[in-house]
Amino acid sequence: MILPTPDVPEAESLLAAGAVLLRELDHPRTVSDLWEVVKGNGIATFAHFVLAAEMLYAIGVVSFRDGLLEKHRR
């Protein structure tokens, strides 16, 4: 589910969903704002959106501060 497999198409993987989230995090956003921007844009359900956001948080690519998700700048 994280990576594409023969049973999980690339577009449905968390890796692809994470890429969509990162593309839209050009500035800090609330979770609900980010969801409104990305829903239907390769992310079909809120559960898939949350899993992708959690994956990005777990690997240290995004942070959640003061109610906003933001991409780490490196």
PDB file of N, CA and C in Angstrom:
ATOM      1  N   MET A   1       0.813  -1.197   0.000  1.00  0.00           N
ATOM      2  CA  MET A   1       0.000   0.000   0.000  1.00  0.00           C
ATOM      3  C   MET A   1       0.858   1.262   0.000  1.00  0.00           C
ATOM      4  N   ILE A   2       2.011   1.210   0.644  1.00  0.00           N
ATOM      5  CA  ILE A   2       2.875   2.385   0.623  1.00  0.00           C
ATOM      6  C   ILE A   2       3.503   2.539  -0.758  1.00  0.00           C
ATOM      7  N   LEU A   3       4.037   1.458  -1.264  1.00  0.00           N
ATOM      8  CA  LEU A   3       4.652   1.451  -2.588  1.00  0.00           C
ATOM      9  C   LEU A   3       3.737   0.740  -3.576  1.00  0.00           C
ATOM     10  N   PRO A   4       3.840   1.047  -4.850  1.00  0.00           N
ATOM     11  CA  PRO A   4       3.058   0.313  -5.849  1.00  0.00           C
ATOM     12  C   PRO A   4       3.496  -1.152  -5.884  1.00  0.00           C
ATOM     13  N   THR A   5       2.551  -2.022  -6.098  1.00  0.00           N
ATOM     14  CA  THR A   5       2.807  -3.456  -6.241  1.00  0.00           C
ATOM     15  C   THR A   5       1.963  -3.948  -7.411  1.00  0.00           C
ATOM     16  N   PRO A   6       2.071  -5.222  -7.758  1.00  0.00           N
ATOM     17  CA  PRO A   6       1.185  -5.727  -8.809  1.00  0.00           C
ATOM     18  C   PRO A   6      -0.305  -5.576  -8.458  1.00  0.00           C
ATOM     19  N   ASP A   7      -0.625  -5.565  -7.147  1.00  0.00           N
ATOM     20  CA  ASP A   7      -2.017  -5.428  -6.725  1.00  0.00           C
ATOM     21  C   ASP A   7      -2.426  -3.998  -6.396  1.00  0.00           C
ATOM     22  N   VAL A   8      -1.445  -3.126  -6.177  1.00  0.00           N
ATOM     23  CA  VAL A   8      -1.719  -1.723  -5.846  1.00  0.00           C
ATOM     24  C   VAL A   8      -1.129  -0.842  -6.944  1.00  0.00           C
ATOM     25  N   PRO A   9      -1.982  -0.259  -7.783  1.00  0.00           N
ATOM     26  CA  PRO A   9      -1.479   0.609  -8.849  1.00  0.00           C
ATOM     27  C   PRO A   9      -0.725   1.821  -8.272  1.00  0.00           C
ATOM     28  N   GLU A  10       0.179   2.350  -9.042  1.00  0.00           N
ATOM     29  CA  GLU A  10       0.980   3.492  -8.579  1.00  0.00           C
ATOM     30  C   GLU A  10       0.104   4.642  -8.094  1.00  0.00           C
ATOM     31  N   ALA A  11      -0.947   4.937  -8.814  1.00  0.00           N
ATOM     32  CA  ALA A  11      -1.821   6.057  -8.462  1.00  0.00           C
ATOM     33  C   ALA A  11      -2.518   5.862  -7.117  1.00  0.00           C
ATOM     34  N   GLU A  12      -2.654   4.627  -6.653  1.00  0.00           N
ATOM     35  CA  GLU A  12      -3.325   4.349  -5.385  1.00  0.00           C
ATOM     36  C   GLU A  12      -2.355   4.138  -4.231  1.00  0.00           C
ATOM     37  N   SER A  13      -1.068   4.246  -4.483  1.00  0.00           N
ATOM     38  CA  SER A  13      -0.082   4.032  -3.425  1.00  0.00           C
ATOM     39  C   SER A  13       0.024   5.268  -2.542  1.00  0.00           C
ATOM     40  N   LEU A  14       0.466   5.071  -1.311  1.00  0.00           N
ATOM     41  CA  LEU A  14       0.658   6.197  -0.410  1.00  0.00           C
ATOM     42  C   LEU A  14       1.803   7.087  -0.881  1.00  0.00           C
ATOM     43  N   LEU A  15       2.760   6.502  -1.556  1.00  0.00           N
ATOM     44  CA  LEU A  15       3.870   7.285  -2.094  1.00  0.00           C
ATOM     45  C   LEU A  15       3.359   8.325  -3.089  1.00  0.00           C
ATOM     46  N   ALA A  16       2.471   7.929  -3.971  1.00  0.00           N
ATOM     47  CA  ALA A  16       1.897   8.864  -4.947  1.00  0.00           C
ATOM     48  C   ALA A  16       1.021   9.902  -4.250  1.00  0.00           C
ATOM     49  N   ALA A  17       0.240   9.462  -3.267  1.00  0.00           N
ATOM     50  CA  ALA A  17      -0.607  10.410  -2.529  1.00  0.00           C
ATOM     51  C   ALA A  17       0.256  11.409  -1.768  1.00  0.00           C
ATOM     52  N   GLY A  18       1.358  10.938  -1.193  1.00  0.00           N
ATOM     53  CA  GLY A  18       2.274  11.835  -0.497  1.00  0.00           C
ATOM     54  C   GLY A  18       2.866  12.870  -1.428  1.00  0.00           C
ATOM     55  N   ALA A  19       3.160  12.473  -2.651  1.00  0.00           N
ATOM     56  CA  ALA A  19       3.689  13.417  -3.642  1.00  0.00           C
ATOM     57  C   ALA A  19       2.663  14.506  -3.959  1.00  0.00           C
ATOM     58  N   VAL A  20       1.400  14.130  -4.037  1.00  0.00           N
ATOM     59  CA  VAL A  20       0.333  15.112  -4.285  1.00  0.00           C
ATOM     60  C   VAL A  20       0.270  16.098  -3.122  1.00  0.00           C
ATOM     61  N   LEU A  21       0.343  15.589  -1.901  1.00  0.00           N
ATOM     62  CA  LEU A  21       0.296  16.466  -0.730  1.00  0.00           C
ATOM     63  C   LEU A  21       1.478  17.429  -0.721  1.00  0.00           C
ATOM     64  N   LEU A  22       2.662  16.909  -0.979  1.00  0.00           N
ATOM     65  CA  LEU A  22       3.852  17.756  -0.968  1.00  0.00           C
ATOM     66  C   LEU A  22       3.786  18.846  -2.037  1.00  0.00           C
ATOM     67  N   ARG A  23       3.237  18.499  -3.186  1.00  0.00           N
ATOM     68  CA  ARG A  23       3.116  19.482  -4.265  1.00  0.00           C
ATOM     69  C   ARG A  23       2.229  20.653  -3.836  1.00  0.00           C
ATOM     70  N   GLU A  24       1.206  20.366  -3.038  1.00  0.00           N
ATOM     71  CA  GLU A  24       0.269  21.410  -2.618  1.00  0.00           C
ATOM     72  C   GLU A  24       0.687  22.122  -1.333  1.00  0.00           C
ATOM     73  N   LEU A  25       1.730  21.628  -0.674  1.00  0.00           N
ATOM     74  CA  LEU A  25       2.198  22.271   0.555  1.00  0.00           C
ATOM     75  C   LEU A  25       3.277  23.316   0.239  1.00  0.00           C
ATOM     76  N   ASP A  26       2.996  24.181  -0.722  1.00  0.00           N
ATOM     77  CA  ASP A  26       3.937  25.245  -1.049  1.00  0.00           C
ATOM     78  C   ASP A  26       3.956  26.312   0.044  1.00  0.00           C
ATOM     79  N   HIS A  27       2.936  26.295   0.891  1.00  0.00           N
ATOM     80  CA  HIS A  27       2.881  27.125   2.089  1.00  0.00           C
ATOM     81  C   HIS A  27       2.112  26.349   3.153  1.00  0.00           C
ATOM     82  N   PRO A  28       2.296  26.671   4.433  1.00  0.00           N
ATOM     83  CA  PRO A  28       1.583  25.937   5.488  1.00  0.00           C
ATOM     84  C   PRO A  28       0.069  26.014   5.286  1.00  0.00           C
ATOM     85  N   ARG A  29      -0.599  24.878   5.532  1.00  0.00           N
ATOM     86  CA  ARG A  29      -2.054  24.811   5.361  1.00  0.00           C
ATOM     87  C   ARG A  29      -2.672  24.026   6.510  1.00  0.00           C
ATOM     88  N   THR A  30      -3.933  24.319   6.784  1.00  0.00           N
ATOM     89  CA  THR A  30      -4.665  23.487   7.731  1.00  0.00           C
ATOM     90  C   THR A  30      -4.966  22.157   7.055  1.00  0.00           C
ATOM     91  N   VAL A  31      -5.247  21.161   7.862  1.00  0.00           N
ATOM     92  CA  VAL A  31      -5.568  19.838   7.314  1.00  0.00           C
ATOM     93  C   VAL A  31      -6.809  19.927   6.432  1.00  0.00           C
ATOM     94  N   SER A  32      -7.825  20.634   6.885  1.00  0.00           N
ATOM     95  CA  SER A  32      -9.061  20.722   6.094  1.00  0.00           C
ATOM     96  C   SER A  32      -8.842  21.483   4.788  1.00  0.00           C
ATOM     97  N   ASP A  33      -8.019  22.510   4.810  1.00  0.00           N
ATOM     98  CA  ASP A  33      -7.716  23.246   3.585  1.00  0.00           C
ATOM     99  C   ASP A  33      -6.973  22.355   2.596  1.00  0.00           C
ATOM    100  N   LEU A  34      -5.978  21.635   3.088  1.00  0.00           N
ATOM    101  CA  LEU A  34      -5.223  20.743   2.207  1.00  0.00           C
ATOM    102  C   LEU A  34      -6.134  19.663   1.631  1.00  0.00           C
ATOM    103  N   TRP A  35      -7.021  19.109   2.448  1.00  0.00           N
ATOM    104  CA  TRP A  35      -7.955  18.093   1.956  1.00  0.00           C
ATOM    105  C   TRP A  35      -8.836  18.661   0.843  1.00  0.00           C
ATOM    106  N   GLU A  36      -9.348  19.874   1.015  1.00  0.00           N
ATOM    107  CA  GLU A  36     -10.197  20.487  -0.011  1.00  0.00           C
ATOM    108  C   GLU A  36      -9.444  20.656  -1.334  1.00  0.00           C
ATOM    109  N   VAL A  37      -8.156  20.937  -1.253  1.00  0.00           N
ATOM    110  CA  VAL A  37      -7.353  21.138  -2.460  1.00  0.00           C
ATOM    111  C   VAL A  37      -7.062  19.824  -3.177  1.00  0.00           C
ATOM    112  N   VAL A  38      -6.786  18.753  -2.410  1.00  0.00           N
ATOM    113  CA  VAL A  38      -6.311  17.518  -3.038  1.00  0.00           C
ATOM    114  C   VAL A  38      -7.383  16.462  -3.271  1.00  0.00           C
ATOM    115  N   LYS A  39      -8.535  16.577  -2.639  1.00  0.00           N
ATOM    116  CA  LYS A  39      -9.525  15.508  -2.804  1.00  0.00           C
ATOM    117  C   LYS A  39      -9.929  15.403  -4.275  1.00  0.00           C
ATOM    118  N   GLY A  40      -9.958  14.170  -4.741  1.00  0.00           N
ATOM    119  CA  GLY A  40     -10.275  13.920  -6.131  1.00  0.00           C
ATOM    120  C   GLY A  40      -9.092  14.104  -7.069  1.00  0.00           C
ATOM    121  N   ASN A  41      -7.995  14.619  -6.562  1.00  0.00           N
ATOM    122  CA  ASN A  41      -6.798  14.836  -7.375  1.00  0.00           C
ATOM    123  C   ASN A  41      -5.803  13.699  -7.114  1.00  0.00           C
ATOM    124  N   GLY A  42      -6.269  12.472  -7.343  1.00  0.00           N
ATOM    125  CA  GLY A  42      -5.423  11.316  -7.092  1.00  0.00           C
ATOM    126  C   GLY A  42      -5.583  10.753  -5.692  1.00  0.00           C
ATOM    127  N   ILE A  43      -6.363  11.425  -4.854  1.00  0.00           N
ATOM    128  CA  ILE A  43      -6.609  10.943  -3.498  1.00  0.00           C
ATOM    129  C   ILE A  43      -8.120  10.800  -3.353  1.00  0.00           C
ATOM    130  N   ALA A  44      -8.579   9.563  -3.340  1.00  0.00           N
ATOM    131  CA  ALA A  44     -10.017   9.308  -3.424  1.00  0.00           C
ATOM    132  C   ALA A  44     -10.754   9.458  -2.098  1.00  0.00           C
ATOM    133  N   THR A  45     -10.112   9.108  -0.981  1.00  0.00           N
ATOM    134  CA  THR A  45     -10.823   9.117   0.289  1.00  0.00           C
ATOM    135  C   THR A  45     -10.035   9.894   1.345  1.00  0.00           C
ATOM    136  N   PHE A  46     -10.755  10.344   2.355  1.00  0.00           N
ATOM    137  CA  PHE A  46     -10.103  11.056   3.451  1.00  0.00           C
ATOM    138  C   PHE A  46      -9.156  10.124   4.203  1.00  0.00           C
ATOM    139  N   ALA A  47      -9.523   8.861   4.315  1.00  0.00           N
ATOM    140  CA  ALA A  47      -8.651   7.891   4.994  1.00  0.00           C
ATOM    141  C   ALA A  47      -7.316   7.763   4.268  1.00  0.00           C
ATOM    142  N   HIS A  48      -7.341   7.722   2.946  1.00  0.00           N
ATOM    143  CA  HIS A  48      -6.110   7.637   2.147  1.00  0.00           C
ATOM    144  C   HIS A  48      -5.276   8.911   2.339  1.00  0.00           C
ATOM    145  N   PHE A  49      -5.952  10.057   2.389  1.00  0.00           N
ATOM    146  CA  PHE A  49      -5.302  11.340   2.632  1.00  0.00           C
ATOM    147  C   PHE A  49      -4.600  11.335   3.992  1.00  0.00           C
ATOM    148  N   VAL A  50      -5.296  10.880   5.027  1.00  0.00           N
ATOM    149  CA  VAL A  50      -4.722  10.855   6.375  1.00  0.00           C
ATOM    150  C   VAL A  50      -3.532   9.909   6.434  1.00  0.00           C
ATOM    151  N   LEU A  51      -3.644   8.735   5.829  1.00  0.00           N
ATOM    152  CA  LEU A  51      -2.516   7.798   5.818  1.00  0.00           C
ATOM    153  C   LEU A  51      -1.302   8.386   5.115  1.00  0.00           C
ATOM    154  N   ALA A  52      -1.523   9.087   4.024  1.00  0.00           N
ATOM    155  CA  ALA A  52      -0.414   9.711   3.298  1.00  0.00           C
ATOM    156  C   ALA A  52       0.224  10.812   4.146  1.00  0.00           C
ATOM    157  N   ALA A  53      -0.597  11.628   4.807  1.00  0.00           N
ATOM    158  CA  ALA A  53      -0.075  12.693   5.665  1.00  0.00           C
ATOM    159  C   ALA A  53       0.697  12.107   6.846  1.00  0.00           C
ATOM    160  N   GLU A  54       0.176  11.031   7.435  1.00  0.00           N
ATOM    161  CA  GLU A  54       0.877  10.373   8.541  1.00  0.00           C
ATOM    162  C   GLU A  54       2.207   9.786   8.087  1.00  0.00           C
ATOM    163  N   MET A  55       2.241   9.220   6.887  1.00  0.00           N
ATOM    164  CA  MET A  55       3.486   8.673   6.357  1.00  0.00           C
ATOM    165  C   MET A  55       4.524   9.782   6.215  1.00  0.00           C
ATOM    166  N   LEU A  56       4.114  10.930   5.646  1.00  0.00           N
ATOM    167  CA  LEU A  56       5.034  12.049   5.474  1.00  0.00           C
ATOM    168  C   LEU A  56       5.537  12.566   6.821  1.00  0.00           C
ATOM    169  N   TYR A  57       4.657  12.589   7.821  1.00  0.00           N
ATOM    170  CA  TYR A  57       5.044  13.017   9.160  1.00  0.00           C
ATOM    171  C   TYR A  57       6.025  12.016   9.777  1.00  0.00           C
ATOM    172  N   ALA A  58       5.746  10.738   9.610  1.00  0.00           N
ATOM    173  CA  ALA A  58       6.592   9.694  10.199  1.00  0.00           C
ATOM    174  C   ALA A  58       8.005   9.694   9.626  1.00  0.00           C
ATOM    175  N   ILE A  59       8.143  10.048   8.365  1.00  0.00           N
ATOM    176  CA  ILE A  59       9.482  10.050   7.770  1.00  0.00           C
ATOM    177  C   ILE A  59      10.146  11.427   7.869  1.00  0.00           C
ATOM    178  N   GLY A  60       9.468  12.364   8.544  1.00  0.00           N
ATOM    179  CA  GLY A  60      10.074  13.658   8.828  1.00  0.00           C
ATOM    180  C   GLY A  60      10.068  14.661   7.696  1.00  0.00           C
ATOM    181  N   VAL A  61       9.149  14.511   6.767  1.00  0.00           N
ATOM    182  CA  VAL A  61       9.090  15.427   5.623  1.00  0.00           C
ATOM    183  C   VAL A  61       8.160  16.607   5.902  1.00  0.00           C
ATOM    184  N   VAL A  62       7.162  16.400   6.749  1.00  0.00           N
ATOM    185  CA  VAL A  62       6.247  17.472   7.125  1.00  0.00           C
ATOM    186  C   VAL A  62       6.166  17.554   8.641  1.00  0.00           C
ATOM    187  N   SER A  63       5.721  18.696   9.117  1.00  0.00           N
ATOM    188  CA  SER A  63       5.481  18.856  10.546  1.00  0.00           C
ATOM    189  C   SER A  63       4.094  19.468  10.735  1.00  0.00           C
ATOM    190  N   PHE A  64       3.589  19.323  11.938  1.00  0.00           N
ATOM    191  CA  PHE A  64       2.285  19.867  12.287  1.00  0.00           C
ATOM    192  C   PHE A  64       2.511  20.808  13.466  1.00  0.00           C
ATOM    193  N   ARG A  65       2.332  22.099  13.217  1.00  0.00           N
ATOM    194  CA  ARG A  65       2.624  23.098  14.238  1.00  0.00           C
ATOM    195  C   ARG A  65       1.564  24.190  14.190  1.00  0.00           C
ATOM    196  N   ASP A  66       1.040  24.525  15.354  1.00  0.00           N
ATOM    197  CA  ASP A  66       0.029  25.592  15.462  1.00  0.00           C
ATOM    198  C   ASP A  66      -1.156  25.364  14.536  1.00  0.00           C
ATOM    199  N   GLY A  67      -1.561  24.099  14.376  1.00  0.00           N
ATOM    200  CA  GLY A  67      -2.716  23.771  13.550  1.00  0.00           C
ATOM    201  C   GLY A  67      -2.458  23.752  12.061  1.00  0.00           C
ATOM    202  N   LEU A  68      -1.177  23.842  11.666  1.00  0.00           N
ATOM    203  CA  LEU A  68      -0.847  23.874  10.246  1.00  0.00           C
ATOM    204  C   LEU A  68       0.135  22.762   9.885  1.00  0.00           C
ATOM    205  N   LEU A  69      -0.103  22.161   8.731  1.00  0.00           N
ATOM    206  CA  LEU A  69       0.858  21.227   8.158  1.00  0.00           C
ATOM    207  C   LEU A  69       1.818  22.032   7.313  1.00  0.00           C
ATOM    208  N   GLU A  70       3.111  21.767   7.466  1.00  0.00           N
ATOM    209  CA  GLU A  70       4.078  22.454   6.627  1.00  0.00           C
ATOM    210  C   GLU A  70       5.182  21.511   6.198  1.00  0.00           C
ATOM    211  N   LYS A  71       5.653  21.751   5.004  1.00  0.00           N
ATOM    212  CA  LYS A  71       6.730  20.952   4.428  1.00  0.00           C
ATOM    213  C   LYS A  71       8.048  21.465   4.994  1.00  0.00           C
ATOM    214  N   HIS A  72       8.923  20.534   5.363  1.00  0.00           N
ATOM    215  CA  HIS A  72      10.255  20.929   5.821  1.00  0.00           C
ATOM    216  C   HIS A  72      11.071  21.412   4.643  1.00  0.00           C
ATOM    217  N   ARG A  73      11.729  22.503   4.814  1.00  0.00           N
ATOM    218  CA  ARG A  73      12.611  23.062   3.767  1.00  0.00           C
ATOM    219  C   ARG A  73      14.024  22.584   4.039  1.00  0.00           C
ATOM    220  N   ARG A  74      14.667  22.076   3.040  1.00  0.00           N
ATOM    221  CA  ARG A  74      16.047  21.603   3.221  1.00  0.00           C
ATOM    222  C   ARG A  74      16.951  22.238   2.233  1.00  0.00           C
TER     223      ARG A  74
END
